Amino acid sequence: MQLTQNEKKFWLVGLVIHITLISVQGRVGMGPGDQDWDYVEVRKGAHLFYWLFHTTANVKSFTERPLVIWLQGGPGVASTGTGCFEQLGPIDIEGRIRESSWVQHMNVLFVDSPVGTGFAYVEDHGQYASTNRQIALDLVTLVESFLQKHPLFRRVPLHIFSESYGGKMAPEFALELHLAKQRGRVDCRLQSVVVGNPWTSPLDSILAYAPYMLQMGIVDGDGYRRVSQLAGELAALVYREQWQSVLAKVGDIQEEIATMTGGVFIYNTQRRVHQDEIYRYGEDPQMSNFLRTNVTRVLGLGKMPVWMEQNATVFMRLSEEIFKPATKIVTRLLDETPIRVGFFSGILDLLCATPGTVSWIGRLKWQNRREYLEAPRTPFRIRGVLEGYEKHGGRLSMFWVFRAGHLVQQDNPAAMEYILKYFTTF
């Protein structure tokens, strides 16, 4: 049968609508709401993994709410594990609804990065990322693929949130995504990049250990001198760019702190921890078992490489990068892009101690530096309770968070919601 010109147009419009409906239709995953998940081959033999949660907010369309990309730290801790089931996903590993889930307010895209992390994997002929820039470029490729599959998100405000080692990954990812957008490769509405307790300038974090612990009463004068000496030795290694020796020295510092403090919990110095409790970021055995059995089965990933809670190879391939600062990337974001940049810090964290973060932020040199430095630091309250302080200027924001350590979303979800709303308006 020969179609008329109008019939052909009508058929094409119908096909476009059909394809669009297919692209927005979610799948049933873990917990409430529509979801989708997929692998993206970002380089030959190197595959990232994402897990999309459409918002469960009472809206006509998920496109009425922004999209947040969540990247876990480590490097090598899985967003699909710690991020989704311990921090901000809709349920925990017991199936209980999380009242502070971000999915209630917005769409969330958990990404396992770098390759080899979580569900992400590397084939025998593939390569792990060995530089921070490679991580960023891989993530740009993932976003490009994601938006091809989910084109309606191209017009949705996009925000990148992360924590810890994300202080190095997220800013460079944001910069490379902005550059890709300028070149016409990616069509998105990137608006902000925000990192909690950032490992952006690692040396500043380490140099803050001794004064922080002394002021908190965790060590005395002798302990202060011992940690300060080790930190000074580490600084000399950093200046000589002896990165393998730097990692070994970090181990010495952490062992010394554990010995002299009786095992203070470095992720939250005020948390009550039993002497027999062993905690490693992102490595809860119960969560690992849950991801490898329940989640793997529900997502239909049984024939894929096993989920990795912490891939040591990912960490070691980045060993030359871990202690290099990313402050120049932050400066470029502030000088060369319209993207808003934010940092927040739980003041009870030792690993990425707040004084170290404040120190390197204060030394940043960019065109609107004075606007930030001269801006007042003001308290923020939630339902009348003081939860911390905030400072904004020159598209840069900093939040000091009370009653929280390294994992602000877990320790003080009310303050985290305040910060989230500041950047996304939801």
Protein backbone atom coordinates (compact mmCIF):
# COMPACT_ATOMS: atom_id res chain seq x y z
CA MET A 1 0.00 0.00 0.00
CA GLN A 2 1.33 3.42 -0.99
CA LEU A 3 1.20 6.02 1.83
CA THR A 4 0.39 9.66 1.12
CA GLN A 5 2.81 12.38 2.30
CA ASN A 6 0.53 13.29 5.24
CA GLU A 7 0.18 9.63 6.21
CA LYS A 8 3.96 9.28 6.21
CA LYS A 9 4.30 12.32 8.49
CA PHE A 10 1.64 10.95 10.82
CA TRP A 11 3.38 7.57 10.92
CA LEU A 12 6.76 9.17 11.69
CA VAL A 13 5.29 11.29 14.52
CA GLY A 14 3.67 8.19 15.96
CA LEU A 15 6.97 6.31 15.79
CA VAL A 16 8.82 9.12 17.58
CA ILE A 17 6.18 9.17 20.34
CA HIS A 18 6.39 5.38 20.65
CA ILE A 19 10.20 5.44 20.93
CA THR A 20 10.04 8.26 23.49
CA LEU A 21 7.54 6.34 25.62
CA ILE A 22 9.77 3.29 25.51
CA SER A 23 12.79 5.38 26.54
CA VAL A 24 11.07 6.81 29.62
CA GLN A 25 9.38 3.62 30.73
CA GLY A 26 11.16 2.31 33.81
CA ARG A 27 11.75 -1.19 35.04
CA VAL A 28 11.00 -2.79 38.37
CA GLY A 29 14.17 -2.96 40.42
CA MET A 30 14.83 -2.83 44.16
CA GLY A 31 12.47 -0.64 46.14
CA PRO A 32 9.74 1.77 45.02
CA GLY A 33 9.54 3.67 41.76
CA ASP A 34 10.60 3.14 38.15
CA GLN A 35 14.24 2.27 37.61
CA ASP A 36 16.68 1.42 34.88
CA TRP A 37 20.22 0.07 34.82
CA ASP A 38 22.78 -0.69 32.18
CA TYR A 39 26.44 -1.10 31.28
CA VAL A 40 28.36 1.35 29.11
CA GLU A 41 31.59 0.34 27.39
CA VAL A 42 33.53 3.56 27.92
CA ARG A 43 36.74 2.22 26.40
CA LYS A 44 37.54 -1.07 24.68
CA GLY A 45 37.04 -3.76 27.31
CA ALA A 46 36.26 -1.25 30.09
CA HIS A 47 32.65 -1.07 31.30
CA LEU A 48 30.96 1.33 33.74
CA PHE A 49 27.59 0.57 35.31
CA TYR A 50 24.72 2.91 36.21
CA TRP A 51 21.49 2.45 38.14
CA LEU A 52 18.79 5.08 37.62
CA PHE A 53 16.03 5.73 40.15
CA HIS A 54 13.19 7.89 38.86
CA THR A 55 11.88 10.16 41.58
CA THR A 56 8.93 8.96 43.64
CA ALA A 57 7.83 12.58 44.24
CA ASN A 58 4.17 13.37 43.57
CA VAL A 59 4.69 14.89 40.13
CA LYS A 60 3.07 14.35 36.72
CA SER A 61 6.43 13.54 35.15
CA PHE A 62 9.87 12.74 36.52
CA THR A 63 11.19 15.51 34.25
CA GLU A 64 9.74 18.05 36.70
CA ARG A 65 12.59 17.19 39.07
CA PRO A 66 16.37 17.41 38.58
CA LEU A 67 18.79 14.54 38.07
CA VAL A 68 21.60 13.97 40.60
CA ILE A 69 24.58 11.79 39.67
CA TRP A 70 26.06 10.18 42.79
CA LEU A 71 29.71 9.06 42.77
CA GLN A 72 31.21 7.15 45.68
CA GLY A 73 34.73 7.77 46.97
CA GLY A 74 37.48 5.28 47.68
CA PRO A 75 38.70 5.23 44.99
CA GLY A 76 36.90 2.00 44.23
CA VAL A 77 33.93 2.01 46.62
CA ALA A 78 30.67 1.20 44.82
CA SER A 79 27.86 3.74 44.49
CA THR A 80 25.42 0.87 43.99
CA GLY A 81 26.38 -0.43 47.43
CA THR A 82 27.34 2.24 49.95
CA GLY A 83 25.60 5.11 48.16
CA CYS A 84 22.38 3.33 47.34
CA PHE A 85 21.84 1.07 50.34
CA GLU A 86 23.67 2.84 53.17
CA GLN A 87 23.27 6.51 52.38
CA LEU A 88 20.62 7.89 50.03
CA GLY A 89 18.76 5.20 48.09
CA PRO A 90 15.07 4.42 48.72
CA ILE A 91 15.63 1.29 50.87
CA ASP A 92 18.30 -0.37 53.01
CA ILE A 93 19.46 -3.98 52.79
CA GLU A 94 16.64 -5.03 55.13
CA GLY A 95 14.08 -3.63 52.70
CA ARG A 96 13.13 -0.79 55.03
CA ILE A 97 12.10 2.51 53.46
CA ARG A 98 14.68 5.26 54.03
CA GLU A 99 12.93 8.43 55.18
CA SER A 100 15.88 10.59 54.08
CA SER A 101 16.17 9.10 50.59
CA TRP A 102 17.00 11.61 47.87
CA VAL A 103 14.75 9.71 45.47
CA GLN A 104 11.73 11.20 47.28
CA HIS A 105 12.70 14.58 45.85
CA MET A 106 14.63 13.98 42.63
CA ASN A 107 15.95 11.47 40.14
CA VAL A 108 19.19 9.80 41.22
CA LEU A 109 21.76 8.08 39.02
CA PHE A 110 24.19 5.87 40.93
CA VAL A 111 27.37 5.25 38.94
CA ASP A 112 29.96 2.58 39.75
CA SER A 113 33.25 4.29 38.89
CA PRO A 114 36.16 3.88 38.15
CA VAL A 115 35.90 0.82 35.91
CA GLY A 116 36.27 -2.31 38.02
CA THR A 117 34.20 -0.88 40.86
CA GLY A 118 30.94 -2.49 42.02
CA PHE A 119 29.15 -3.91 38.98
CA ALA A 120 31.56 -2.12 36.61
CA TYR A 121 34.26 -4.37 35.20
CA VAL A 122 37.29 -4.65 32.96
CA GLU A 123 37.76 -7.44 30.42
CA ASP A 124 41.13 -9.17 30.04
CA HIS A 125 42.01 -6.94 27.10
CA GLY A 126 40.74 -3.77 28.80
CA GLN A 127 42.53 -1.30 31.04
CA TYR A 128 41.81 0.16 34.44
CA ALA A 129 41.95 3.93 34.85
CA SER A 130 45.38 5.14 35.95
CA THR A 131 44.69 8.89 36.00
CA ASN A 132 42.00 11.12 37.37
CA ARG A 133 41.40 12.57 33.92
CA GLN A 134 40.75 9.10 32.50
CA ILE A 135 38.09 8.58 35.18
CA ALA A 136 36.50 11.88 34.14
CA LEU A 137 36.57 11.04 30.43
CA ASP A 138 35.04 7.62 31.10
CA LEU A 139 32.22 9.29 33.02
CA VAL A 140 31.58 11.71 30.15
CA THR A 141 31.23 8.74 27.80
CA LEU A 142 28.77 7.16 30.23
CA VAL A 143 26.66 10.34 30.37
CA GLU A 144 26.68 10.58 26.58
CA SER A 145 25.37 7.01 26.33
CA PHE A 146 22.86 7.50 29.14
CA LEU A 147 21.35 10.58 27.47
CA GLN A 148 21.04 8.76 24.17
CA LYS A 149 18.98 6.11 25.92
CA HIS A 150 17.10 8.60 28.13
CA PRO A 151 16.83 11.75 25.97
CA LEU A 152 14.23 13.46 28.19
CA PHE A 153 16.97 14.03 30.79
CA ARG A 154 18.77 16.37 28.38
CA ARG A 155 16.43 19.18 29.47
CA VAL A 156 16.48 18.30 33.16
CA PRO A 157 18.84 20.23 35.49
CA LEU A 158 21.85 18.03 36.27
CA HIS A 159 23.89 18.04 39.49
CA ILE A 160 26.95 15.96 40.41
CA PHE A 161 27.27 14.98 44.08
CA SER A 162 30.02 12.93 45.65
CA GLU A 163 32.14 12.50 48.78
CA SER A 164 35.69 11.79 49.94
CA TYR A 165 37.87 10.80 46.94
CA GLY A 166 35.05 12.29 44.90
CA GLY A 167 36.75 15.58 45.81
CA LYS A 168 39.22 14.67 43.07
CA MET A 169 36.91 12.78 40.68
CA ALA A 170 33.78 14.94 40.63
CA PRO A 171 35.36 18.35 39.82
CA GLU A 172 37.34 16.94 36.90
CA PHE A 173 34.29 15.04 35.67
CA ALA A 174 32.27 18.26 35.81
CA LEU A 175 34.97 20.15 33.90
CA GLU A 176 35.26 17.50 31.17
CA LEU A 177 31.48 17.27 30.88
CA HIS A 178 31.30 21.04 30.46
CA LEU A 179 33.99 20.92 27.75
CA ALA A 180 32.18 18.07 25.98
CA LYS A 181 29.00 20.14 26.05
CA GLN A 182 30.84 23.10 24.52
CA ARG A 183 32.09 20.87 21.70
CA GLY A 184 28.54 19.70 21.05
CA ARG A 185 29.25 16.13 22.07
CA VAL A 186 26.89 16.05 25.08
CA ASP A 187 23.61 17.92 25.47
CA CYS A 188 22.87 18.42 29.16
CA ARG A 189 22.06 21.10 31.75
CA LEU A 190 24.90 20.68 34.22
CA GLN A 191 24.38 23.20 37.01
CA SER A 192 26.50 22.21 40.02
CA VAL A 193 29.14 19.88 41.42
CA VAL A 194 29.13 19.31 45.18
CA VAL A 195 31.43 17.16 47.33
CA GLY A 196 31.27 16.19 50.99
CA ASN A 197 34.42 15.87 53.14
CA PRO A 198 36.56 16.18 50.02
CA TRP A 199 39.95 14.57 49.43
CA THR A 200 40.70 17.42 47.00
CA SER A 201 44.02 18.45 48.55
CA PRO A 202 45.21 15.33 50.38
CA LEU A 203 48.28 16.93 51.94
CA ASP A 204 46.14 19.63 53.55
CA SER A 205 43.96 16.90 55.05
CA ILE A 206 46.97 15.08 56.54
CA LEU A 207 48.60 18.25 57.87
CA ALA A 208 45.35 19.02 59.72
CA TYR A 209 45.41 15.77 61.71
CA ALA A 210 47.69 16.80 64.57
CA PRO A 211 46.15 20.22 65.35
CA TYR A 212 42.63 18.83 64.94
CA MET A 213 43.23 15.97 67.37
CA LEU A 214 44.96 18.24 69.87
CA GLN A 215 42.08 20.73 69.86
CA MET A 216 39.52 17.93 70.15
CA GLY A 217 41.37 16.42 73.10
CA ILE A 218 42.09 13.19 71.24
CA VAL A 219 45.88 13.53 71.73
CA ASP A 220 48.08 15.44 74.16
CA GLY A 221 51.18 17.46 73.37
CA ASP A 222 53.32 14.37 72.88
CA GLY A 223 50.81 12.84 70.47
CA TYR A 224 50.60 16.13 68.60
CA ARG A 225 54.37 16.20 68.10
CA ARG A 226 54.54 12.59 66.93
CA VAL A 227 51.79 12.98 64.34
CA SER A 228 53.16 16.35 63.22
CA GLN A 229 56.58 14.80 62.62
CA LEU A 230 55.12 12.00 60.51
CA ALA A 231 52.98 14.49 58.57
CA GLY A 232 56.07 16.58 57.88
CA GLU A 233 57.88 13.51 56.55
CA LEU A 234 54.90 12.81 54.30
CA ALA A 235 54.92 16.39 53.03
CA ALA A 236 58.56 16.02 51.99
CA LEU A 237 57.68 12.89 50.02
CA VAL A 238 54.77 14.69 48.34
CA TYR A 239 57.00 17.57 47.29
CA ARG A 240 59.45 15.03 45.78
CA GLU A 241 56.49 13.26 44.10
CA GLN A 242 57.48 9.89 45.56
CA TRP A 243 53.91 8.65 45.45
CA GLN A 244 54.44 5.02 46.45
CA SER A 245 56.40 6.14 49.50
CA VAL A 246 53.62 8.62 50.28
CA LEU A 247 51.04 5.81 50.45
CA ALA A 248 53.31 3.82 52.78
CA LYS A 249 53.76 6.86 55.03
CA VAL A 250 49.99 7.36 55.22
CA GLY A 251 49.78 3.83 56.58
CA ASP A 252 52.37 4.73 59.22
CA ILE A 253 50.40 7.82 60.24
CA GLN A 254 47.11 5.97 60.54
CA GLU A 255 48.75 3.17 62.53
CA GLU A 256 50.33 5.72 64.89
CA ILE A 257 46.98 7.45 65.38
CA ALA A 258 45.23 4.16 66.09
CA THR A 259 47.88 3.18 68.65
CA MET A 260 48.10 6.45 70.57
CA THR A 261 44.33 7.11 70.61
CA GLY A 262 43.19 3.60 71.44
CA GLY A 263 41.56 3.24 68.05
CA VAL A 264 39.60 6.47 67.56
CA PHE A 265 37.10 6.12 64.70
CA ILE A 266 38.66 8.23 61.94
CA TYR A 267 35.37 8.67 60.05
CA ASN A 268 33.64 10.23 63.08
CA THR A 269 35.79 10.87 66.14
CA GLN A 270 32.75 11.10 68.44
CA ARG A 271 31.02 7.92 67.34
CA ARG A 272 30.78 5.19 69.97
CA VAL A 273 32.62 2.20 68.54
CA HIS A 274 33.14 -1.10 70.37
CA GLN A 275 36.74 -2.29 70.54
CA ASP A 276 35.84 -5.42 68.55
CA GLU A 277 34.11 -3.47 65.78
CA ILE A 278 35.98 -3.36 62.49
CA TYR A 279 34.79 -0.87 59.87
CA ARG A 280 36.17 -0.29 56.43
CA TYR A 281 34.47 2.24 54.20
CA GLY A 282 32.14 0.44 51.77
CA GLU A 283 33.06 -3.08 52.91
CA ASP A 284 30.19 -4.24 55.11
CA PRO A 285 30.05 -8.05 54.64
CA GLN A 286 26.25 -8.11 54.97
CA MET A 287 25.86 -5.47 52.29
CA SER A 288 28.30 -7.27 50.02
CA ASN A 289 26.36 -10.51 50.33
CA PHE A 290 23.09 -8.65 49.68
CA LEU A 291 24.46 -7.09 46.48
CA ARG A 292 25.94 -10.35 45.22
CA THR A 293 22.76 -12.33 45.81
CA ASN A 294 19.51 -10.34 46.03
CA VAL A 295 20.44 -7.33 43.91
CA THR A 296 22.33 -9.35 41.31
CA ARG A 297 19.34 -11.66 40.92
CA VAL A 298 16.72 -8.90 40.71
CA LEU A 299 18.72 -6.89 38.16
CA GLY A 300 19.40 -10.00 36.08
CA LEU A 301 23.18 -9.70 36.34
CA GLY A 302 23.92 -13.27 37.33
CA LYS A 303 26.02 -13.92 34.23
CA MET A 304 28.03 -10.71 34.64
CA PRO A 305 31.25 -10.32 36.68
CA VAL A 306 30.64 -10.47 40.43
CA TRP A 307 29.89 -7.24 42.30
CA MET A 308 33.04 -5.84 43.98
CA GLU A 309 32.72 -3.87 47.21
CA GLN A 310 36.32 -2.63 47.03
CA ASN A 311 38.52 -3.65 44.12
CA ALA A 312 42.14 -3.38 45.25
CA THR A 313 43.29 -3.26 41.62
CA VAL A 314 41.30 -0.06 41.07
CA PHE A 315 43.09 1.55 44.01
CA MET A 316 46.58 0.37 43.06
CA ARG A 317 46.28 1.45 39.41
CA LEU A 318 45.58 4.95 40.74
CA SER A 319 48.37 4.92 43.30
CA GLU A 320 50.32 7.60 41.42
CA GLU A 321 47.26 9.88 41.48
CA ILE A 322 45.77 9.51 44.95
CA PHE A 323 47.86 12.20 46.65
CA LYS A 324 48.02 14.69 43.81
CA PRO A 325 45.86 17.76 44.54
CA ALA A 326 42.89 18.68 42.34
CA THR A 327 42.71 22.31 43.44
CA LYS A 328 43.65 23.60 39.97
CA ILE A 329 40.62 21.78 38.56
CA VAL A 330 38.39 23.55 41.08
CA THR A 331 39.93 26.88 40.06
CA ARG A 332 39.22 26.13 36.40
CA LEU A 333 35.59 25.33 37.20
CA LEU A 334 35.23 28.68 38.95
CA ASP A 335 37.06 30.68 36.26
CA GLU A 336 36.04 28.95 33.04
CA THR A 337 32.52 27.62 33.58
CA PRO A 338 29.13 28.80 34.90
CA ILE A 339 28.90 25.72 37.15
CA ARG A 340 28.27 26.25 40.85
CA VAL A 341 30.85 24.53 43.07
CA GLY A 342 30.10 23.38 46.59
CA PHE A 343 31.81 21.59 49.47
CA PHE A 344 30.38 20.42 52.77
CA SER A 345 32.22 18.95 55.72
CA GLY A 346 31.10 17.01 58.76
CA ILE A 347 33.25 18.59 61.47
CA LEU A 348 33.79 15.30 63.36
CA ASP A 349 35.68 13.69 60.45
CA LEU A 350 39.39 13.04 60.89
CA LEU A 351 40.15 11.37 57.54
CA CYS A 352 39.33 14.54 55.58
CA ALA A 353 39.43 16.94 58.51
CA THR A 354 37.47 20.17 58.10
CA PRO A 355 40.43 22.49 58.95
CA GLY A 356 42.37 21.04 56.00
CA THR A 357 39.46 21.67 53.63
CA VAL A 358 39.05 25.24 54.88
CA SER A 359 42.80 25.77 54.44
CA TRP A 360 43.02 24.85 50.75
CA ILE A 361 39.77 26.61 49.88
CA GLY A 362 41.19 29.78 51.45
CA ARG A 363 44.25 29.57 49.17
CA LEU A 364 42.33 29.13 45.91
CA LYS A 365 43.02 31.92 43.45
CA TRP A 366 40.26 32.73 40.99
CA GLN A 367 38.68 35.85 39.59
CA ASN A 368 35.92 36.10 42.23
CA ARG A 369 38.08 35.03 45.15
CA ARG A 370 37.55 38.24 47.10
CA GLU A 371 33.77 37.88 46.86
CA TYR A 372 33.98 34.54 48.63
CA LEU A 373 36.56 35.55 51.23
CA GLU A 374 34.62 38.67 52.20
CA ALA A 375 31.25 36.89 52.35
CA PRO A 376 29.90 36.34 55.87
CA ARG A 377 29.78 32.87 57.36
CA THR A 378 26.25 32.45 58.65
CA PRO A 379 24.51 29.77 60.75
CA PHE A 380 21.83 27.57 59.27
CA ARG A 381 19.04 26.12 61.39
CA ILE A 382 16.50 23.40 60.74
CA ARG A 383 13.28 23.59 62.75
CA GLY A 384 15.05 25.95 65.11
CA VAL A 385 18.08 23.71 65.71
CA LEU A 386 21.57 24.94 64.77
CA GLU A 387 22.98 22.44 62.28
CA GLY A 388 26.07 24.27 61.05
CA TYR A 389 27.35 27.23 59.05
CA GLU A 390 27.45 28.25 55.41
CA LYS A 391 29.45 30.64 53.27
CA HIS A 392 28.79 31.62 49.63
CA GLY A 393 30.56 33.85 47.13
CA GLY A 394 31.80 33.80 43.54
CA ARG A 395 29.78 30.61 42.75
CA LEU A 396 31.66 28.79 45.53
CA SER A 397 29.88 27.47 48.63
CA MET A 398 31.13 25.84 51.83
CA PHE A 399 29.05 24.20 54.56
CA TRP A 400 30.27 23.21 58.04
CA VAL A 401 27.99 20.45 59.38
CA PHE A 402 27.42 19.69 63.07
CA ARG A 403 26.95 16.18 64.48
CA ALA A 404 28.48 14.59 61.38
CA GLY A 405 31.71 12.98 60.34
CA HIS A 406 32.92 11.69 56.98
CA LEU A 407 29.47 10.43 55.95
CA VAL A 408 27.23 13.47 56.36
CA GLN A 409 24.19 11.86 54.72
CA GLN A 410 24.23 9.08 57.33
CA ASP A 411 25.18 11.16 60.37
CA ASN A 412 23.03 14.25 59.80
CA PRO A 413 20.48 13.69 57.01
CA ALA A 414 18.55 16.84 57.96
CA ALA A 415 21.59 19.04 57.28
CA MET A 416 22.31 17.08 54.10
CA GLU A 417 18.77 17.74 52.89
CA TYR A 418 19.30 21.47 53.51
CA ILE A 419 22.48 21.41 51.39
CA LEU A 420 20.81 19.35 48.68
CA LYS A 421 17.93 21.78 48.50
CA TYR A 422 20.29 24.77 48.32
CA PHE A 423 21.77 23.51 45.05
CA THR A 424 18.80 21.76 43.45
CA THR A 425 15.91 23.80 44.99
CA PHE A 426 14.22 20.47 45.90
